Amino acid sequence: MKQEVTTSSGTYAVGGTDFDLYLAAPQAAETDLPAVFVAHAWDGLNAPVEEIARRVAGLGYVAVAVDVYGSGVRGDPVGDNSSLIAPFLEDRSVLRERLLTGLGAIADLDGVDSTRLGAIGYCFGGMCVLELARAVPDNLKGVVSFHGLLSADGGSETKPIRASVLIEHGWDDPLAPSAEFLAFADEMDRRGADWQAHVHGGAMHAFTFQRANMPEKGIVYHGKADRRSWAAMAAFFEEVL
């Protein structure tokens, strides 16, 4: 049963710079709850990401949408935001610092069971949650990437990944082609991850975004993949959290 939720906003800081948080939580929870880090796509922490956080909270988790661009920095929801993500593609260490600090901020929130943390992300956010898993924080139990970027930074890390990993992938996604998907699978096996992937035939990039309709760029909404991937995420977190 979907639960009623309350929402609030806050910030966390990295190196003297403030970053935004948007929190959604079930009303009147009597015990500390598992929390889910919600990583935004390349357009930043905006209204659609906040809606995702509310939907996750409706499943019974504290959901926190975490900004990695800087307080108030937002991209164009239907435009090209390459300039915003480029620094993080070039230097994953900067991204990881912000992600890990954001995860720590979530763990410190009242009402959160800091031993049970998960993460989900879409597109660029999918890459973000995979970077969290690759960083191997102690309290991260599982991550879900929706049509995320799958490439690793150099691919030389060997430390075992402890968080369970679920990939929701569109087979026709031009931003994560089959060779990249197979390289990702090899990385997960090499690092001993508990991982699984649902590959949605006929689905392109951004298949969960209802306004996505740019087939010439391989960016199209796919209703079945959207519904199935959400149900898979819910079942995954029931298991790992």
C-alpha atoms as a PDB file:
ATOM      1  CA  MET A   1       0.000   0.000   0.000  1.00  0.00           C
ATOM      2  CA  LYS A   2       1.322   3.424  -0.928  1.00  0.00           C
ATOM      3  CA  GLN A   3       2.132   5.516   2.136  1.00  0.00           C
ATOM      4  CA  GLU A   4       1.507   9.220   2.694  1.00  0.00           C
ATOM      5  CA  VAL A   5       4.739  11.183   2.736  1.00  0.00           C
ATOM      6  CA  THR A   6       6.133  14.408   4.118  1.00  0.00           C
ATOM      7  CA  THR A   7       8.832  16.459   2.383  1.00  0.00           C
ATOM      8  CA  SER A   8      11.541  18.930   3.320  1.00  0.00           C
ATOM      9  CA  SER A   9      14.676  20.497   1.856  1.00  0.00           C
ATOM     10  CA  GLY A  10      18.207  20.954   3.163  1.00  0.00           C
ATOM     11  CA  THR A  11      21.858  21.137   2.196  1.00  0.00           C
ATOM     12  CA  TYR A  12      25.142  19.352   2.708  1.00  0.00           C
ATOM     13  CA  ALA A  13      28.640  20.747   2.187  1.00  0.00           C
ATOM     14  CA  VAL A  14      31.750  19.565   0.375  1.00  0.00           C
ATOM     15  CA  GLY A  15      34.902  21.653   0.587  1.00  0.00           C
ATOM     16  CA  GLY A  16      33.016  24.774   1.620  1.00  0.00           C
ATOM     17  CA  THR A  17      30.448  24.490  -1.188  1.00  0.00           C
ATOM     18  CA  ASP A  18      26.780  23.831  -0.422  1.00  0.00           C
ATOM     19  CA  PHE A  19      24.731  21.204  -2.241  1.00  0.00           C
ATOM     20  CA  ASP A  20      20.972  20.666  -2.079  1.00  0.00           C
ATOM     21  CA  LEU A  21      18.991  17.794  -0.586  1.00  0.00           C
ATOM     22  CA  TYR A  22      15.300  17.017  -1.049  1.00  0.00           C
ATOM     23  CA  LEU A  23      13.859  14.606   1.503  1.00  0.00           C
ATOM     24  CA  ALA A  24      10.634  12.613   1.315  1.00  0.00           C
ATOM     25  CA  ALA A  25       9.637  10.249   4.118  1.00  0.00           C
ATOM     26  CA  PRO A  26       6.601   8.229   5.192  1.00  0.00           C
ATOM     27  CA  GLN A  27       4.413  10.053   7.691  1.00  0.00           C
ATOM     28  CA  ALA A  28       4.509   9.047  11.347  1.00  0.00           C
ATOM     29  CA  ALA A  29       7.099   6.287  11.061  1.00  0.00           C
ATOM     30  CA  GLU A  30       7.567   4.680  14.477  1.00  0.00           C
ATOM     31  CA  THR A  31      11.056   3.287  13.843  1.00  0.00           C
ATOM     32  CA  ASP A  32      14.148   4.319  11.892  1.00  0.00           C
ATOM     33  CA  LEU A  33      13.721   3.401   8.231  1.00  0.00           C
ATOM     34  CA  PRO A  34      16.085   2.363   5.450  1.00  0.00           C
ATOM     35  CA  ALA A  35      17.002   5.272   3.198  1.00  0.00           C
ATOM     36  CA  VAL A  36      17.391   5.525  -0.574  1.00  0.00           C
ATOM     37  CA  PHE A  37      19.768   8.009  -2.185  1.00  0.00           C
ATOM     38  CA  VAL A  38      18.124   9.362  -5.383  1.00  0.00           C
ATOM     39  CA  ALA A  39      20.715  10.550  -7.909  1.00  0.00           C
ATOM     40  CA  HIS A  40      19.552  13.040 -10.520  1.00  0.00           C
ATOM     41  CA  ALA A  41      20.005  12.904 -14.287  1.00  0.00           C
ATOM     42  CA  TRP A  42      22.177  15.412 -16.150  1.00  0.00           C
ATOM     43  CA  ASP A  43      19.652  18.232 -15.732  1.00  0.00           C
ATOM     44  CA  GLY A  44      20.086  18.350 -11.963  1.00  0.00           C
ATOM     45  CA  LEU A  45      17.884  18.106  -8.884  1.00  0.00           C
ATOM     46  CA  ASN A  46      14.587  19.339 -10.279  1.00  0.00           C
ATOM     47  CA  ALA A  47      10.846  18.677  -9.955  1.00  0.00           C
ATOM     48  CA  PRO A  48      10.854  15.275 -11.744  1.00  0.00           C
ATOM     49  CA  VAL A  49      13.592  14.012  -9.407  1.00  0.00           C
ATOM     50  CA  GLU A  50      11.630  15.240  -6.411  1.00  0.00           C
ATOM     51  CA  GLU A  51       8.611  13.314  -7.706  1.00  0.00           C
ATOM     52  CA  ILE A  52      10.737  10.160  -7.932  1.00  0.00           C
ATOM     53  CA  ALA A  53      11.823  10.690  -4.320  1.00  0.00           C
ATOM     54  CA  ARG A  54       8.192  10.956  -3.249  1.00  0.00           C
ATOM     55  CA  ARG A  55       7.333   7.739  -5.113  1.00  0.00           C
ATOM     56  CA  VAL A  56      10.195   5.912  -3.407  1.00  0.00           C
ATOM     57  CA  ALA A  57       9.067   7.242  -0.022  1.00  0.00           C
ATOM     58  CA  GLY A  58       5.613   5.900  -0.816  1.00  0.00           C
ATOM     59  CA  LEU A  59       7.174   2.433  -0.786  1.00  0.00           C
ATOM     60  CA  GLY A  60       8.156   2.913   2.856  1.00  0.00           C
ATOM     61  CA  TYR A  61      11.673   4.345   2.655  1.00  0.00           C
ATOM     62  CA  VAL A  62      13.236   7.667   3.507  1.00  0.00           C
ATOM     63  CA  ALA A  63      14.133   8.957   0.034  1.00  0.00           C
ATOM     64  CA  VAL A  64      16.681  11.730  -0.401  1.00  0.00           C
ATOM     65  CA  ALA A  65      17.390  13.361  -3.750  1.00  0.00           C
ATOM     66  CA  VAL A  66      21.013  14.525  -3.669  1.00  0.00           C
ATOM     67  CA  ASP A  67      22.452  17.349  -5.764  1.00  0.00           C
ATOM     68  CA  VAL A  68      26.031  17.047  -7.069  1.00  0.00           C
ATOM     69  CA  TYR A  69      26.206  20.292  -9.091  1.00  0.00           C
ATOM     70  CA  GLY A  70      25.969  22.900  -6.324  1.00  0.00           C
ATOM     71  CA  SER A  71      23.114  24.638  -4.567  1.00  0.00           C
ATOM     72  CA  GLY A  72      20.739  26.164  -7.108  1.00  0.00           C
ATOM     73  CA  VAL A  73      22.652  24.877 -10.163  1.00  0.00           C
ATOM     74  CA  ARG A  74      20.235  23.295 -12.607  1.00  0.00           C
ATOM     75  CA  GLY A  75      20.341  22.287 -16.234  1.00  0.00           C
ATOM     76  CA  ASP A  76      17.782  22.356 -19.038  1.00  0.00           C
ATOM     77  CA  PRO A  77      15.331  19.430 -18.734  1.00  0.00           C
ATOM     78  CA  VAL A  78      14.998  19.168 -22.529  1.00  0.00           C
ATOM     79  CA  GLY A  79      18.350  20.642 -23.576  1.00  0.00           C
ATOM     80  CA  ASP A  80      22.019  19.713 -23.773  1.00  0.00           C
ATOM     81  CA  ASN A  81      23.662  19.582 -20.341  1.00  0.00           C
ATOM     82  CA  SER A  82      26.996  18.164 -21.465  1.00  0.00           C
ATOM     83  CA  SER A  83      28.895  21.028 -19.871  1.00  0.00           C
ATOM     84  CA  LEU A  84      27.476  20.114 -16.446  1.00  0.00           C
ATOM     85  CA  ILE A  85      28.488  16.460 -16.500  1.00  0.00           C
ATOM     86  CA  ALA A  86      31.772  16.810 -18.410  1.00  0.00           C
ATOM     87  CA  PRO A  87      33.914  17.531 -15.299  1.00  0.00           C
ATOM     88  CA  PHE A  88      32.635  14.371 -13.626  1.00  0.00           C
ATOM     89  CA  LEU A  89      33.280  12.209 -16.672  1.00  0.00           C
ATOM     90  CA  GLU A  90      36.842  13.542 -16.766  1.00  0.00           C
ATOM     91  CA  ASP A  91      37.511  13.134 -13.030  1.00  0.00           C
ATOM     92  CA  ARG A  92      35.385  10.589 -11.225  1.00  0.00           C
ATOM     93  CA  SER A  93      37.194  11.307  -7.936  1.00  0.00           C
ATOM     94  CA  VAL A  94      35.418  14.684  -7.647  1.00  0.00           C
ATOM     95  CA  LEU A  95      32.084  13.020  -8.265  1.00  0.00           C
ATOM     96  CA  ARG A  96      32.778  10.281  -5.734  1.00  0.00           C
ATOM     97  CA  GLU A  97      33.662  12.794  -3.039  1.00  0.00           C
ATOM     98  CA  ARG A  98      30.333  14.554  -3.490  1.00  0.00           C
ATOM     99  CA  LEU A  99      28.395  11.309  -3.666  1.00  0.00           C
ATOM    100  CA  LEU A 100      30.020   9.819  -0.576  1.00  0.00           C
ATOM    101  CA  THR A 101      29.516  13.029   1.396  1.00  0.00           C
ATOM    102  CA  GLY A 102      25.883  13.083   0.316  1.00  0.00           C
ATOM    103  CA  LEU A 103      25.486   9.464   1.399  1.00  0.00           C
ATOM    104  CA  GLY A 104      27.006  10.357   4.756  1.00  0.00           C
ATOM    105  CA  ALA A 105      24.560  13.255   5.117  1.00  0.00           C
ATOM    106  CA  ILE A 106      21.689  10.830   4.523  1.00  0.00           C
ATOM    107  CA  ALA A 107      23.045   8.388   7.114  1.00  0.00           C
ATOM    108  CA  ASP A 108      23.100  11.185   9.701  1.00  0.00           C
ATOM    109  CA  LEU A 109      19.457  12.192   9.211  1.00  0.00           C
ATOM    110  CA  ASP A 110      16.970  11.641  12.026  1.00  0.00           C
ATOM    111  CA  GLY A 111      14.686   8.704  11.322  1.00  0.00           C
ATOM    112  CA  VAL A 112      17.211   6.900   9.070  1.00  0.00           C
ATOM    113  CA  ASP A 113      18.608   3.463   9.821  1.00  0.00           C
ATOM    114  CA  SER A 114      22.172   4.206   8.744  1.00  0.00           C
ATOM    115  CA  THR A 115      22.982   0.501   8.398  1.00  0.00           C
ATOM    116  CA  ARG A 116      20.469   0.098   5.538  1.00  0.00           C
ATOM    117  CA  LEU A 117      21.129   2.493   2.676  1.00  0.00           C
ATOM    118  CA  GLY A 118      20.334   2.072  -0.998  1.00  0.00           C
ATOM    119  CA  ALA A 119      20.634   4.246  -4.090  1.00  0.00           C
ATOM    120  CA  ILE A 120      18.886   4.714  -7.427  1.00  0.00           C
ATOM    121  CA  GLY A 121      19.757   6.897 -10.376  1.00  0.00           C
ATOM    122  CA  TYR A 122      18.706   7.710 -13.908  1.00  0.00           C
ATOM    123  CA  CYS A 123      21.021   8.293 -16.910  1.00  0.00           C
ATOM    124  CA  PHE A 124      23.926  10.302 -15.430  1.00  0.00           C
ATOM    125  CA  GLY A 125      22.441   9.422 -12.036  1.00  0.00           C
ATOM    126  CA  GLY A 126      22.680   5.761 -12.964  1.00  0.00           C
ATOM    127  CA  MET A 127      26.406   6.265 -13.430  1.00  0.00           C
ATOM    128  CA  CYS A 128      26.486   8.047 -10.065  1.00  0.00           C
ATOM    129  CA  VAL A 129      25.018   5.144  -8.112  1.00  0.00           C
ATOM    130  CA  LEU A 130      27.400   2.734  -9.826  1.00  0.00           C
ATOM    131  CA  GLU A 131      30.256   4.994  -8.732  1.00  0.00           C
ATOM    132  CA  LEU A 132      28.905   4.739  -5.195  1.00  0.00           C
ATOM    133  CA  ALA A 133      28.962   0.953  -5.431  1.00  0.00           C
ATOM    134  CA  ARG A 134      32.491   1.031  -6.866  1.00  0.00           C
ATOM    135  CA  ALA A 135      33.616   3.176  -3.911  1.00  0.00           C
ATOM    136  CA  VAL A 136      32.470   0.409  -1.510  1.00  0.00           C
ATOM    137  CA  PRO A 137      31.042   2.437   1.400  1.00  0.00           C
ATOM    138  CA  ASP A 138      30.324   0.289   4.436  1.00  0.00           C
ATOM    139  CA  ASN A 139      26.611   1.024   4.773  1.00  0.00           C
ATOM    140  CA  LEU A 140      25.491   0.800   1.126  1.00  0.00           C
ATOM    141  CA  LYS A 141      23.402  -2.336   0.610  1.00  0.00           C
ATOM    142  CA  GLY A 142      22.157  -2.002  -2.959  1.00  0.00           C
ATOM    143  CA  VAL A 143      22.015   0.262  -6.003  1.00  0.00           C
ATOM    144  CA  VAL A 144      19.736   0.442  -9.030  1.00  0.00           C
ATOM    145  CA  SER A 145      20.760   2.089 -12.299  1.00  0.00           C
ATOM    146  CA  PHE A 146      18.000   3.034 -14.744  1.00  0.00           C
ATOM    147  CA  HIS A 147      19.314   3.516 -18.307  1.00  0.00           C
ATOM    148  CA  GLY A 148      22.591   4.598 -16.740  1.00  0.00           C
ATOM    149  CA  LEU A 149      26.024   5.175 -18.209  1.00  0.00           C
ATOM    150  CA  LEU A 150      27.927   1.981 -17.488  1.00  0.00           C
ATOM    151  CA  SER A 151      31.587   2.706 -18.226  1.00  0.00           C
ATOM    152  CA  ALA A 152      34.124   2.589 -15.418  1.00  0.00           C
ATOM    153  CA  ASP A 153      36.946   5.076 -14.888  1.00  0.00           C
ATOM    154  CA  GLY A 154      39.910   3.150 -16.238  1.00  0.00           C
ATOM    155  CA  GLY A 155      38.527  -0.202 -15.124  1.00  0.00           C
ATOM    156  CA  SER A 156      41.594  -1.037 -13.004  1.00  0.00           C
ATOM    157  CA  GLU A 157      39.982  -1.263  -9.562  1.00  0.00           C
ATOM    158  CA  THR A 158      39.885  -4.695  -7.938  1.00  0.00           C
ATOM    159  CA  LYS A 159      38.376  -4.112  -4.476  1.00  0.00           C
ATOM    160  CA  PRO A 160      35.288  -6.334  -4.110  1.00  0.00           C
ATOM    161  CA  ILE A 161      31.964  -4.540  -4.500  1.00  0.00           C
ATOM    162  CA  ARG A 162      29.794  -5.263  -1.452  1.00  0.00           C
ATOM    163  CA  ALA A 163      26.532  -3.588  -2.478  1.00  0.00           C
ATOM    164  CA  SER A 164      24.123  -5.603  -4.586  1.00  0.00           C
ATOM    165  CA  VAL A 165      23.692  -4.111  -8.061  1.00  0.00           C
ATOM    166  CA  LEU A 166      20.624  -4.035 -10.324  1.00  0.00           C
ATOM    167  CA  ILE A 167      20.867  -2.675 -13.874  1.00  0.00           C
ATOM    168  CA  GLU A 168      17.725  -1.684 -15.789  1.00  0.00           C
ATOM    169  CA  HIS A 169      19.042  -1.329 -19.326  1.00  0.00           C
ATOM    170  CA  GLY A 170      17.515  -0.585 -22.716  1.00  0.00           C
ATOM    171  CA  TRP A 171      19.135  -2.839 -25.290  1.00  0.00           C
ATOM    172  CA  ASP A 172      18.844  -0.135 -27.967  1.00  0.00           C
ATOM    173  CA  ASP A 173      20.391   2.582 -25.765  1.00  0.00           C
ATOM    174  CA  PRO A 174      23.053   4.313 -27.907  1.00  0.00           C
ATOM    175  CA  LEU A 175      24.676   5.840 -24.802  1.00  0.00           C
ATOM    176  CA  ALA A 176      25.370   2.399 -23.339  1.00  0.00           C
ATOM    177  CA  PRO A 177      25.983   0.137 -26.355  1.00  0.00           C
ATOM    178  CA  SER A 178      26.255  -3.631 -26.104  1.00  0.00           C
ATOM    179  CA  ALA A 179      30.069  -3.612 -25.943  1.00  0.00           C
ATOM    180  CA  GLU A 180      29.934  -1.275 -22.951  1.00  0.00           C
ATOM    181  CA  PHE A 181      27.285  -3.430 -21.298  1.00  0.00           C
ATOM    182  CA  LEU A 182      29.459  -6.528 -21.699  1.00  0.00           C
ATOM    183  CA  ALA A 183      32.513  -4.683 -20.359  1.00  0.00           C
ATOM    184  CA  PHE A 184      30.440  -3.664 -17.343  1.00  0.00           C
ATOM    185  CA  ALA A 185      29.417  -7.293 -16.797  1.00  0.00           C
ATOM    186  CA  ASP A 186      33.067  -8.299 -16.880  1.00  0.00           C
ATOM    187  CA  GLU A 187      33.887  -5.580 -14.331  1.00  0.00           C
ATOM    188  CA  MET A 188      31.157  -6.764 -11.971  1.00  0.00           C
ATOM    189  CA  ASP A 189      32.370 -10.357 -12.188  1.00  0.00           C
ATOM    190  CA  ARG A 190      36.001  -9.320 -11.720  1.00  0.00           C
ATOM    191  CA  ARG A 191      35.063  -7.448  -8.541  1.00  0.00           C
ATOM    192  CA  GLY A 192      32.895 -10.231  -7.162  1.00  0.00           C
ATOM    193  CA  ALA A 193      29.663  -8.244  -7.206  1.00  0.00           C
ATOM    194  CA  ASP A 194      26.209  -9.628  -6.513  1.00  0.00           C
ATOM    195  CA  TRP A 195      24.739  -8.159  -9.687  1.00  0.00           C
ATOM    196  CA  GLN A 196      21.826  -8.663 -12.019  1.00  0.00           C
ATOM    197  CA  ALA A 197      20.543  -6.941 -15.147  1.00  0.00           C
ATOM    198  CA  HIS A 198      17.158  -6.623 -16.787  1.00  0.00           C
ATOM    199  CA  VAL A 199      17.648  -5.889 -20.460  1.00  0.00           C
ATOM    200  CA  HIS A 200      14.577  -4.355 -22.089  1.00  0.00           C
ATOM    201  CA  GLY A 201      14.320  -5.197 -25.762  1.00  0.00           C
ATOM    202  CA  GLY A 202      13.258  -2.293 -27.963  1.00  0.00           C
ATOM    203  CA  ALA A 203      13.959   0.269 -25.227  1.00  0.00           C
ATOM    204  CA  MET A 204      16.275   3.203 -25.862  1.00  0.00           C
ATOM    205  CA  HIS A 205      17.883   5.729 -23.542  1.00  0.00           C
ATOM    206  CA  ALA A 206      15.705   7.543 -20.963  1.00  0.00           C
ATOM    207  CA  PHE A 207      12.968   4.914 -21.304  1.00  0.00           C
ATOM    208  CA  THR A 208      11.410   5.923 -17.947  1.00  0.00           C
ATOM    209  CA  PHE A 209      10.967   9.615 -18.868  1.00  0.00           C
ATOM    210  CA  GLN A 210       7.472  10.138 -20.246  1.00  0.00           C
ATOM    211  CA  ARG A 211       8.433  13.289 -22.146  1.00  0.00           C
ATOM    212  CA  ALA A 212      11.360  11.595 -23.914  1.00  0.00           C
ATOM    213  CA  ASN A 213      10.641  11.615 -27.645  1.00  0.00           C
ATOM    214  CA  MET A 214      13.825  12.101 -29.647  1.00  0.00           C
ATOM    215  CA  PRO A 215      14.201   8.858 -31.611  1.00  0.00           C
ATOM    216  CA  GLU A 216      16.864  10.418 -33.814  1.00  0.00           C
ATOM    217  CA  LYS A 217      19.055  10.560 -30.676  1.00  0.00           C
ATOM    218  CA  GLY A 218      17.933   7.208 -29.288  1.00  0.00           C
ATOM    219  CA  ILE A 219      15.971   8.864 -26.475  1.00  0.00           C
ATOM    220  CA  VAL A 220      12.396   7.555 -26.258  1.00  0.00           C
ATOM    221  CA  TYR A 221       9.925   6.688 -23.495  1.00  0.00           C
ATOM    222  CA  HIS A 222       8.990   2.993 -23.283  1.00  0.00           C
ATOM    223  CA  GLY A 223       5.961   2.319 -21.095  1.00  0.00           C
ATOM    224  CA  LYS A 224       6.472  -1.393 -20.527  1.00  0.00           C
ATOM    225  CA  ALA A 225      10.142  -0.962 -19.639  1.00  0.00           C
ATOM    226  CA  ASP A 226       9.223   1.891 -17.306  1.00  0.00           C
ATOM    227  CA  ARG A 227       6.630  -0.150 -15.409  1.00  0.00           C
ATOM    228  CA  ARG A 228       8.688  -3.335 -15.297  1.00  0.00           C
ATOM    229  CA  SER A 229      11.856  -1.600 -14.148  1.00  0.00           C
ATOM    230  CA  TRP A 230      10.060   0.176 -11.290  1.00  0.00           C
ATOM    231  CA  ALA A 231       8.514  -3.101 -10.108  1.00  0.00           C
ATOM    232  CA  ALA A 232      11.935  -4.759 -10.276  1.00  0.00           C
ATOM    233  CA  MET A 233      13.454  -1.967  -8.200  1.00  0.00           C
ATOM    234  CA  ALA A 234      10.752  -2.309  -5.548  1.00  0.00           C
ATOM    235  CA  ALA A 235      11.326  -6.067  -5.292  1.00  0.00           C
ATOM    236  CA  PHE A 236      15.102  -5.580  -5.182  1.00  0.00           C
ATOM    237  CA  PHE A 237      14.938  -3.174  -2.240  1.00  0.00           C
ATOM    238  CA  GLU A 238      12.518  -5.447  -0.393  1.00  0.00           C
ATOM    239  CA  GLU A 239      15.294  -8.044  -0.546  1.00  0.00           C
ATOM    240  CA  VAL A 240      18.438  -6.004   0.164  1.00  0.00           C
ATOM    241  CA  LEU A 241      17.062  -3.363   2.564  1.00  0.00           C
END
